[in-house]
Amino acid sequence: MPADHSAVDSTLGYAFQTLQALIILLQASDDQSVTLELTDDVTLHHALGRSGSEECRYQVAHSIRSSLPEITLKSTKLWKTIGIWASEYSPNERYFLLTCAPVSADLQCLTSGSDRTLILAKLEQEATQVINEQEQGVYEHRERILGCRAFLGLAPNVRADLLNQVVLCASVPSI
């Protein structure tokens, strides 16, 4: 079987980011702008000079598959995204994960302004387990370890602050 050198998935993913950027820009104020692949997949910026302004960063997880598994506490995309945001956290930013996948019951509180106390404890527990299993040689967790370390590397109050700025937008339409 010949190697697949198709770039269809990547091209559609980038086109999806562009469409999301356009949607965000069309809903933005006159003093706002949008960038692609600068600080995140898509970022909504306020005009320079506006103090205390809130930037909105969007991670866009697109798939052309018709059926996707739920985003869960163990999802690679979730931990990679948390790792990026934890390493660059700013209290003046809001963080959005847009995904075509549905979300598990555990993560439902991230889809709204609900209390994040329980999910914070579950994420801390999962990150601790991943790190312990890797350190003990039980499992490598190659895809999630950096995100888990970045998350637990934050002070407990900063982890809580970060989660309060996170919104999970699940089951968004695919391209």
N, C-alpha and C. Protein backbone atom coordinates (compact mmCIF):
# COMPACT_ATOMS: atom_id res chain seq x y z
N MET A 1 0.85 -1.18 0.00
CA MET A 1 0.00 0.00 0.00
C MET A 1 0.88 1.24 0.00
N PRO A 2 0.65 2.17 -0.90
CA PRO A 2 1.48 3.38 -0.96
C PRO A 2 1.22 4.29 0.24
N ALA A 3 2.24 5.06 0.59
CA ALA A 3 2.12 6.01 1.70
C ALA A 3 1.11 7.09 1.35
N ASP A 4 0.36 7.52 2.36
CA ASP A 4 -0.62 8.58 2.17
C ASP A 4 0.06 9.92 2.42
N HIS A 5 0.18 10.72 1.39
CA HIS A 5 0.80 12.04 1.50
C HIS A 5 -0.24 13.15 1.40
N SER A 6 -1.48 12.79 1.58
CA SER A 6 -2.56 13.75 1.48
C SER A 6 -2.49 14.78 2.61
N ALA A 7 -2.79 16.01 2.27
CA ALA A 7 -2.82 17.08 3.26
C ALA A 7 -4.25 17.58 3.48
N VAL A 8 -5.22 16.76 3.10
CA VAL A 8 -6.62 17.17 3.19
C VAL A 8 -7.00 17.50 4.63
N ASP A 9 -6.68 16.62 5.58
CA ASP A 9 -7.05 16.86 6.98
C ASP A 9 -6.44 18.17 7.49
N SER A 10 -5.15 18.38 7.22
CA SER A 10 -4.47 19.60 7.68
C SER A 10 -5.07 20.83 7.02
N THR A 11 -5.32 20.74 5.74
CA THR A 11 -5.87 21.88 5.01
C THR A 11 -7.26 22.23 5.53
N LEU A 12 -8.08 21.22 5.73
CA LEU A 12 -9.43 21.48 6.26
C LEU A 12 -9.36 22.03 7.69
N GLY A 13 -8.42 21.54 8.48
CA GLY A 13 -8.25 22.05 9.84
C GLY A 13 -7.88 23.52 9.84
N TYR A 14 -6.96 23.90 8.96
CA TYR A 14 -6.57 25.31 8.88
C TYR A 14 -7.72 26.16 8.33
N ALA A 15 -8.44 25.64 7.36
CA ALA A 15 -9.61 26.36 6.84
C ALA A 15 -10.65 26.55 7.94
N PHE A 16 -10.81 25.53 8.78
CA PHE A 16 -11.75 25.61 9.90
C PHE A 16 -11.32 26.71 10.87
N GLN A 17 -10.01 26.79 11.16
CA GLN A 17 -9.50 27.87 12.02
C GLN A 17 -9.83 29.23 11.40
N THR A 18 -9.64 29.35 10.11
CA THR A 18 -9.90 30.61 9.42
C THR A 18 -11.38 30.98 9.51
N LEU A 19 -12.25 29.99 9.32
CA LEU A 19 -13.69 30.25 9.45
C LEU A 19 -14.04 30.66 10.88
N GLN A 20 -13.45 29.99 11.87
CA GLN A 20 -13.71 30.36 13.26
C GLN A 20 -13.22 31.79 13.52
N ALA A 21 -12.06 32.14 12.98
CA ALA A 21 -11.53 33.50 13.14
C ALA A 21 -12.49 34.52 12.54
N LEU A 22 -13.04 34.21 11.38
CA LEU A 22 -13.98 35.11 10.72
C LEU A 22 -15.25 35.28 11.56
N ILE A 23 -15.76 34.19 12.10
CA ILE A 23 -16.95 34.25 12.96
C ILE A 23 -16.67 35.13 14.18
N ILE A 24 -15.51 34.92 14.80
CA ILE A 24 -15.14 35.70 15.98
C ILE A 24 -14.99 37.18 15.62
N LEU A 25 -14.35 37.45 14.49
CA LEU A 25 -14.16 38.84 14.05
C LEU A 25 -15.48 39.52 13.75
N LEU A 26 -16.41 38.81 13.11
CA LEU A 26 -17.71 39.39 12.79
C LEU A 26 -18.52 39.74 14.05
N GLN A 27 -18.24 39.04 15.15
CA GLN A 27 -18.93 39.30 16.41
C GLN A 27 -18.17 40.29 17.29
N ALA A 28 -16.97 40.70 16.86
CA ALA A 28 -16.10 41.55 17.67
C ALA A 28 -16.52 43.02 17.59
N SER A 29 -16.00 43.80 18.52
CA SER A 29 -16.19 45.26 18.52
C SER A 29 -15.23 45.89 17.52
N ASP A 30 -15.45 47.17 17.25
CA ASP A 30 -14.60 47.89 16.30
C ASP A 30 -13.15 47.97 16.76
N ASP A 31 -12.90 47.94 18.08
CA ASP A 31 -11.53 48.06 18.59
C ASP A 31 -10.84 46.71 18.76
N GLN A 32 -11.42 45.66 18.21
CA GLN A 32 -10.84 44.33 18.35
C GLN A 32 -10.33 43.82 17.01
N SER A 33 -9.33 42.94 17.09
CA SER A 33 -8.79 42.29 15.90
C SER A 33 -8.57 40.82 16.21
N VAL A 34 -8.36 40.05 15.15
CA VAL A 34 -8.18 38.60 15.29
C VAL A 34 -6.89 38.20 14.60
N THR A 35 -6.15 37.29 15.24
CA THR A 35 -4.97 36.71 14.60
C THR A 35 -5.11 35.19 14.57
N LEU A 36 -4.42 34.60 13.62
CA LEU A 36 -4.33 33.14 13.49
C LEU A 36 -2.91 32.72 13.83
N GLU A 37 -2.79 31.67 14.63
CA GLU A 37 -1.50 31.05 14.93
C GLU A 37 -0.45 32.02 15.48
N LEU A 38 -0.88 33.02 16.23
CA LEU A 38 0.07 33.95 16.84
C LEU A 38 0.32 33.53 18.29
N THR A 39 -0.67 33.74 19.16
CA THR A 39 -0.55 33.27 20.54
C THR A 39 -1.34 31.98 20.75
N ASP A 40 -2.23 31.66 19.84
CA ASP A 40 -3.01 30.43 19.89
C ASP A 40 -3.53 30.18 18.48
N ASP A 41 -4.38 29.16 18.31
CA ASP A 41 -4.92 28.91 16.98
C ASP A 41 -5.61 30.17 16.45
N VAL A 42 -6.48 30.74 17.29
CA VAL A 42 -7.16 32.00 16.98
C VAL A 42 -7.13 32.83 18.26
N THR A 43 -6.83 34.13 18.12
CA THR A 43 -6.83 35.02 19.30
C THR A 43 -7.58 36.29 18.95
N LEU A 44 -8.45 36.71 19.86
CA LEU A 44 -9.18 37.97 19.74
C LEU A 44 -8.44 38.99 20.60
N HIS A 45 -7.99 40.08 19.97
CA HIS A 45 -7.20 41.12 20.64
C HIS A 45 -8.00 42.42 20.71
N HIS A 46 -7.74 43.18 21.78
CA HIS A 46 -8.27 44.54 21.88
C HIS A 46 -7.25 45.50 21.30
N ALA A 47 -7.69 46.69 20.98
CA ALA A 47 -6.77 47.70 20.43
C ALA A 47 -5.66 48.00 21.42
N LEU A 48 -4.49 48.31 20.90
CA LEU A 48 -3.35 48.65 21.76
C LEU A 48 -3.69 49.84 22.63
N GLY A 49 -3.16 49.82 23.83
CA GLY A 49 -3.36 50.94 24.73
C GLY A 49 -4.54 50.78 25.67
N ARG A 50 -5.36 49.82 25.44
CA ARG A 50 -6.50 49.60 26.33
C ARG A 50 -6.03 48.79 27.52
N SER A 51 -6.02 49.38 28.70
CA SER A 51 -5.49 48.70 29.88
C SER A 51 -6.52 47.74 30.46
N GLY A 52 -6.02 46.64 31.00
CA GLY A 52 -6.88 45.65 31.64
C GLY A 52 -7.80 44.93 30.68
N SER A 53 -7.52 45.02 29.38
CA SER A 53 -8.40 44.38 28.42
C SER A 53 -8.24 42.87 28.47
N GLU A 54 -9.27 42.22 28.07
CA GLU A 54 -9.30 40.77 28.11
C GLU A 54 -9.09 40.22 26.70
N GLU A 55 -8.04 39.43 26.54
CA GLU A 55 -7.81 38.74 25.27
C GLU A 55 -8.52 37.40 25.35
N CYS A 56 -8.96 36.91 24.23
CA CYS A 56 -9.61 35.61 24.16
C CYS A 56 -8.81 34.71 23.24
N ARG A 57 -8.35 33.59 23.78
CA ARG A 57 -7.54 32.65 23.02
C ARG A 57 -8.36 31.40 22.74
N TYR A 58 -8.29 30.94 21.51
CA TYR A 58 -9.08 29.79 21.07
C TYR A 58 -8.17 28.68 20.55
N GLN A 59 -8.27 27.50 21.14
CA GLN A 59 -7.69 26.29 20.58
C GLN A 59 -8.80 25.65 19.77
N VAL A 60 -8.52 25.31 18.52
CA VAL A 60 -9.54 24.78 17.63
C VAL A 60 -9.19 23.33 17.29
N ALA A 61 -9.99 22.41 17.80
CA ALA A 61 -9.77 20.99 17.56
C ALA A 61 -10.81 20.51 16.55
N HIS A 62 -10.39 20.38 15.31
CA HIS A 62 -11.29 20.02 14.23
C HIS A 62 -11.09 18.57 13.82
N SER A 63 -12.14 17.95 13.36
CA SER A 63 -12.05 16.60 12.82
C SER A 63 -13.07 16.45 11.70
N ILE A 64 -12.70 15.68 10.69
CA ILE A 64 -13.65 15.42 9.61
C ILE A 64 -14.39 14.10 9.83
N ARG A 65 -14.05 13.40 10.90
CA ARG A 65 -14.75 12.16 11.21
C ARG A 65 -16.18 12.47 11.64
N SER A 66 -17.10 11.61 11.26
CA SER A 66 -18.51 11.86 11.58
C SER A 66 -18.85 11.52 13.03
N SER A 67 -18.08 10.64 13.63
CA SER A 67 -18.32 10.24 15.01
C SER A 67 -17.02 10.35 15.80
N LEU A 68 -17.06 11.08 16.88
CA LEU A 68 -15.86 11.31 17.69
C LEU A 68 -16.09 10.86 19.12
N PRO A 69 -15.05 10.36 19.78
CA PRO A 69 -15.19 10.03 21.20
C PRO A 69 -15.32 11.30 22.03
N GLU A 70 -15.92 11.18 23.18
CA GLU A 70 -16.07 12.32 24.08
C GLU A 70 -14.71 12.86 24.53
N ILE A 71 -14.67 14.16 24.78
CA ILE A 71 -13.53 14.76 25.47
C ILE A 71 -13.71 14.41 26.95
N THR A 72 -12.71 13.78 27.54
CA THR A 72 -12.77 13.34 28.93
C THR A 72 -11.57 13.86 29.71
N LEU A 73 -11.51 13.51 30.98
CA LEU A 73 -10.38 13.87 31.83
C LEU A 73 -9.07 13.28 31.31
N LYS A 74 -9.15 12.24 30.51
CA LYS A 74 -7.96 11.57 30.00
C LYS A 74 -7.61 11.96 28.56
N SER A 75 -8.36 12.84 27.96
CA SER A 75 -8.16 13.21 26.56
C SER A 75 -6.84 13.94 26.33
N THR A 76 -6.12 13.47 25.32
CA THR A 76 -4.85 14.09 24.95
C THR A 76 -5.05 15.55 24.58
N LYS A 77 -6.04 15.87 23.77
CA LYS A 77 -6.27 17.26 23.34
C LYS A 77 -6.50 18.17 24.54
N LEU A 78 -7.26 17.71 25.50
CA LEU A 78 -7.51 18.50 26.70
C LEU A 78 -6.20 18.82 27.42
N TRP A 79 -5.36 17.80 27.64
CA TRP A 79 -4.12 18.01 28.39
C TRP A 79 -3.09 18.80 27.61
N LYS A 80 -3.04 18.61 26.29
CA LYS A 80 -2.12 19.43 25.49
C LYS A 80 -2.53 20.90 25.56
N THR A 81 -3.83 21.14 25.48
CA THR A 81 -4.35 22.51 25.54
C THR A 81 -4.12 23.11 26.92
N ILE A 82 -4.42 22.38 27.98
CA ILE A 82 -4.17 22.87 29.33
C ILE A 82 -2.69 23.17 29.52
N GLY A 83 -1.83 22.33 28.96
CA GLY A 83 -0.39 22.55 29.07
C GLY A 83 0.04 23.86 28.43
N ILE A 84 -0.49 24.14 27.25
CA ILE A 84 -0.18 25.40 26.56
C ILE A 84 -0.66 26.58 27.40
N TRP A 85 -1.91 26.52 27.83
CA TRP A 85 -2.47 27.63 28.58
C TRP A 85 -1.80 27.81 29.94
N ALA A 86 -1.47 26.72 30.62
CA ALA A 86 -0.82 26.81 31.93
C ALA A 86 0.55 27.46 31.81
N SER A 87 1.27 27.13 30.74
CA SER A 87 2.62 27.68 30.58
C SER A 87 2.60 29.15 30.18
N GLU A 88 1.47 29.65 29.69
CA GLU A 88 1.38 31.04 29.23
C GLU A 88 0.24 31.80 29.92
N TYR A 89 -0.22 31.30 31.05
CA TYR A 89 -1.41 31.87 31.69
C TYR A 89 -1.26 33.35 32.01
N SER A 90 -2.33 34.07 31.72
CA SER A 90 -2.45 35.48 32.10
C SER A 90 -3.86 35.70 32.62
N PRO A 91 -4.01 36.39 33.74
CA PRO A 91 -5.36 36.63 34.27
C PRO A 91 -6.20 37.56 33.38
N ASN A 92 -5.56 38.20 32.38
CA ASN A 92 -6.29 39.08 31.46
C ASN A 92 -6.76 38.35 30.21
N GLU A 93 -6.68 37.04 30.22
CA GLU A 93 -7.10 36.27 29.05
C GLU A 93 -8.20 35.28 29.41
N ARG A 94 -9.04 35.01 28.42
CA ARG A 94 -10.03 33.93 28.53
C ARG A 94 -9.59 32.87 27.55
N TYR A 95 -9.88 31.61 27.85
CA TYR A 95 -9.37 30.49 27.08
C TYR A 95 -10.55 29.61 26.62
N PHE A 96 -10.61 29.37 25.32
CA PHE A 96 -11.69 28.59 24.74
C PHE A 96 -11.11 27.39 23.98
N LEU A 97 -11.67 26.23 24.24
CA LEU A 97 -11.34 25.04 23.46
C LEU A 97 -12.57 24.71 22.63
N LEU A 98 -12.45 24.88 21.31
CA LEU A 98 -13.52 24.56 20.38
C LEU A 98 -13.27 23.17 19.82
N THR A 99 -14.23 22.29 19.95
CA THR A 99 -14.06 20.93 19.46
C THR A 99 -15.35 20.41 18.84
N CYS A 100 -15.19 19.57 17.83
CA CYS A 100 -16.34 18.92 17.20
C CYS A 100 -16.84 17.76 18.05
N ALA A 101 -16.02 17.32 19.00
CA ALA A 101 -16.35 16.16 19.84
C ALA A 101 -17.34 16.56 20.94
N PRO A 102 -18.13 15.59 21.39
CA PRO A 102 -18.97 15.85 22.56
C PRO A 102 -18.10 15.86 23.82
N VAL A 103 -18.65 16.32 24.91
CA VAL A 103 -17.91 16.42 26.17
C VAL A 103 -18.51 15.46 27.20
N SER A 104 -17.66 14.87 28.03
CA SER A 104 -18.12 13.94 29.06
C SER A 104 -18.85 14.69 30.17
N ALA A 105 -19.59 13.95 30.95
CA ALA A 105 -20.34 14.54 32.07
C ALA A 105 -19.40 15.25 33.05
N ASP A 106 -18.20 14.67 33.28
CA ASP A 106 -17.23 15.27 34.21
C ASP A 106 -16.84 16.69 33.80
N LEU A 107 -16.80 16.94 32.50
CA LEU A 107 -16.33 18.23 32.00
C LEU A 107 -17.44 19.21 31.66
N GLN A 108 -18.68 18.83 31.87
CA GLN A 108 -19.82 19.70 31.54
C GLN A 108 -19.73 21.07 32.20
N CYS A 109 -19.17 21.13 33.40
CA CYS A 109 -19.09 22.43 34.10
C CYS A 109 -18.20 23.41 33.36
N LEU A 110 -17.32 22.92 32.48
CA LEU A 110 -16.45 23.82 31.70
C LEU A 110 -17.17 24.41 30.50
N THR A 111 -18.38 23.94 30.21
CA THR A 111 -19.14 24.47 29.08
C THR A 111 -20.00 25.67 29.48
N SER A 112 -20.04 25.97 30.75
CA SER A 112 -20.86 27.08 31.25
C SER A 112 -20.12 27.76 32.39
N GLY A 113 -20.77 28.66 33.03
CA GLY A 113 -20.17 29.37 34.16
C GLY A 113 -20.31 28.65 35.47
N SER A 114 -20.50 27.35 35.44
CA SER A 114 -20.71 26.55 36.65
C SER A 114 -19.49 26.55 37.56
N ASP A 115 -19.70 26.13 38.79
CA ASP A 115 -18.63 26.00 39.77
C ASP A 115 -17.59 25.00 39.27
N ARG A 116 -16.32 25.34 39.41
CA ARG A 116 -15.23 24.50 38.88
C ARG A 116 -14.47 23.79 39.99
N THR A 117 -14.94 23.82 41.22
CA THR A 117 -14.22 23.22 42.35
C THR A 117 -14.01 21.73 42.15
N LEU A 118 -15.06 21.02 41.77
CA LEU A 118 -14.97 19.56 41.61
C LEU A 118 -14.07 19.20 40.43
N ILE A 119 -14.19 19.89 39.31
CA ILE A 119 -13.36 19.56 38.15
C ILE A 119 -11.90 19.90 38.43
N LEU A 120 -11.64 20.94 39.21
CA LEU A 120 -10.27 21.27 39.59
C LEU A 120 -9.65 20.10 40.35
N ALA A 121 -10.38 19.56 41.31
CA ALA A 121 -9.87 18.43 42.09
C ALA A 121 -9.64 17.20 41.19
N LYS A 122 -10.56 16.96 40.26
CA LYS A 122 -10.42 15.80 39.36
C LYS A 122 -9.23 15.98 38.41
N LEU A 123 -9.02 17.18 37.90
CA LEU A 123 -7.88 17.43 37.02
C LEU A 123 -6.57 17.30 37.79
N GLU A 124 -6.53 17.80 39.02
CA GLU A 124 -5.33 17.65 39.85
C GLU A 124 -5.04 16.19 40.13
N GLN A 125 -6.09 15.42 40.42
CA GLN A 125 -5.93 13.99 40.69
C GLN A 125 -5.42 13.27 39.44
N GLU A 126 -5.99 13.56 38.28
CA GLU A 126 -5.57 12.92 37.04
C GLU A 126 -4.12 13.29 36.70
N ALA A 127 -3.77 14.56 36.84
CA ALA A 127 -2.41 15.00 36.55
C ALA A 127 -1.41 14.33 37.49
N THR A 128 -1.75 14.24 38.76
CA THR A 128 -0.88 13.58 39.74
C THR A 128 -0.69 12.11 39.38
N GLN A 129 -1.77 11.43 39.00
CA GLN A 129 -1.69 10.02 38.63
C GLN A 129 -0.80 9.83 37.40
N VAL A 130 -0.98 10.66 36.40
CA VAL A 130 -0.17 10.57 35.17
C VAL A 130 1.31 10.74 35.49
N ILE A 131 1.64 11.74 36.30
CA ILE A 131 3.03 12.01 36.66
C ILE A 131 3.60 10.85 37.46
N ASN A 132 2.84 10.36 38.45
CA ASN A 132 3.31 9.23 39.27
C ASN A 132 3.52 7.99 38.43
N GLU A 133 2.59 7.68 37.53
CA GLU A 133 2.74 6.49 36.68
C GLU A 133 3.95 6.60 35.77
N GLN A 134 4.22 7.79 35.29
CA GLN A 134 5.39 7.95 34.42
C GLN A 134 6.67 7.82 35.23
N GLU A 135 6.72 8.46 36.39
CA GLU A 135 7.92 8.40 37.23
C GLU A 135 8.22 6.98 37.71
N GLN A 136 7.17 6.19 37.94
CA GLN A 136 7.34 4.81 38.40
C GLN A 136 7.54 3.83 37.24
N GLY A 137 7.48 4.33 36.01
CA GLY A 137 7.66 3.47 34.85
C GLY A 137 6.47 2.59 34.54
N VAL A 138 5.32 2.89 35.13
CA VAL A 138 4.11 2.11 34.90
C VAL A 138 3.58 2.36 33.49
N TYR A 139 3.56 3.63 33.10
CA TYR A 139 3.07 4.02 31.79
C TYR A 139 3.75 5.33 31.40
N GLU A 140 4.07 5.49 30.15
CA GLU A 140 4.85 6.65 29.72
C GLU A 140 4.03 7.94 29.60
N HIS A 141 2.79 7.86 29.22
CA HIS A 141 1.92 9.04 29.07
C HIS A 141 2.58 10.11 28.20
N ARG A 142 3.19 9.69 27.12
CA ARG A 142 3.95 10.59 26.24
C ARG A 142 3.14 11.80 25.79
N GLU A 143 1.86 11.61 25.52
CA GLU A 143 1.03 12.68 24.96
C GLU A 143 0.51 13.67 26.00
N ARG A 144 0.39 13.22 27.26
CA ARG A 144 -0.25 14.08 28.27
C ARG A 144 0.69 14.60 29.35
N ILE A 145 1.89 14.06 29.44
CA ILE A 145 2.75 14.37 30.58
C ILE A 145 3.12 15.85 30.68
N LEU A 146 3.42 16.48 29.56
CA LEU A 146 3.82 17.90 29.62
C LEU A 146 2.67 18.78 30.11
N GLY A 147 1.46 18.48 29.66
CA GLY A 147 0.29 19.24 30.11
C GLY A 147 0.03 19.05 31.59
N CYS A 148 0.17 17.81 32.05
CA CYS A 148 -0.04 17.52 33.47
C CYS A 148 0.98 18.23 34.34
N ARG A 149 2.24 18.20 33.90
CA ARG A 149 3.30 18.88 34.67
C ARG A 149 3.10 20.39 34.67
N ALA A 150 2.73 20.95 33.53
CA ALA A 150 2.51 22.40 33.46
C ALA A 150 1.37 22.82 34.38
N PHE A 151 0.29 22.03 34.38
CA PHE A 151 -0.87 22.33 35.22
C PHE A 151 -0.51 22.27 36.70
N LEU A 152 0.12 21.18 37.11
CA LEU A 152 0.48 21.05 38.53
C LEU A 152 1.63 21.98 38.91
N GLY A 153 2.35 22.50 37.93
CA GLY A 153 3.42 23.46 38.20
C GLY A 153 2.90 24.83 38.61
N LEU A 154 1.64 25.07 38.35
CA LEU A 154 1.02 26.33 38.77
C LEU A 154 0.68 26.25 40.26
N ALA A 155 0.72 27.37 40.94
CA ALA A 155 0.27 27.42 42.33
C ALA A 155 -1.22 27.05 42.36
N PRO A 156 -1.68 26.42 43.45
CA PRO A 156 -3.09 25.98 43.52
C PRO A 156 -4.10 27.09 43.19
N ASN A 157 -3.88 28.30 43.69
CA ASN A 157 -4.83 29.38 43.40
C ASN A 157 -4.78 29.79 41.93
N VAL A 158 -3.62 29.67 41.28
CA VAL A 158 -3.50 30.01 39.87
C VAL A 158 -4.18 28.94 39.01
N ARG A 159 -4.08 27.67 39.43
CA ARG A 159 -4.82 26.60 38.72
C ARG A 159 -6.31 26.89 38.75
N ALA A 160 -6.81 27.28 39.90
CA ALA A 160 -8.24 27.61 40.03
C ALA A 160 -8.60 28.82 39.17
N ASP A 161 -7.74 29.83 39.17
CA ASP A 161 -7.98 31.02 38.35
C ASP A 161 -8.00 30.67 36.87
N LEU A 162 -7.05 29.84 36.43
CA LEU A 162 -7.02 29.41 35.03
C LEU A 162 -8.32 28.71 34.66
N LEU A 163 -8.74 27.75 35.47
CA LEU A 163 -9.97 27.01 35.15
C LEU A 163 -11.19 27.92 35.12
N ASN A 164 -11.19 28.97 35.92
CA ASN A 164 -12.30 29.91 35.89
C ASN A 164 -12.34 30.72 34.60
N GLN A 165 -11.24 30.74 33.86
CA GLN A 165 -11.15 31.47 32.59
C GLN A 165 -11.35 30.55 31.39
N VAL A 166 -11.53 29.26 31.62
CA VAL A 166 -11.64 28.27 30.53
C VAL A 166 -13.10 28.02 30.20
N VAL A 167 -13.37 27.95 28.88
CA VAL A 167 -14.69 27.56 28.39
C VAL A 167 -14.47 26.47 27.35
N LEU A 168 -15.16 25.37 27.52
CA LEU A 168 -15.10 24.26 26.58
C LEU A 168 -16.32 24.33 25.68
N CYS A 169 -16.11 24.55 24.39
CA CYS A 169 -17.18 24.64 23.42
C CYS A 169 -17.21 23.32 22.64
N ALA A 170 -18.08 22.43 23.04
CA ALA A 170 -18.10 21.07 22.49
C ALA A 170 -19.17 20.94 21.40
N SER A 171 -19.00 19.92 20.58
CA SER A 171 -19.95 19.56 19.52
C SER A 171 -20.17 20.70 18.53
N VAL A 172 -19.12 21.51 18.27
CA VAL A 172 -19.27 22.55 17.25
C VAL A 172 -19.32 21.87 15.88
N PRO A 173 -20.01 22.44 14.93
CA PRO A 173 -20.10 21.82 13.60
C PRO A 173 -18.73 21.72 12.95
N SER A 174 -18.52 20.67 12.18
CA SER A 174 -17.27 20.52 11.45
C SER A 174 -17.36 21.27 10.13
N ILE A 175 -16.21 21.38 9.48
CA ILE A 175 -16.18 22.09 8.22
C ILE A 175 -16.96 21.33 7.15
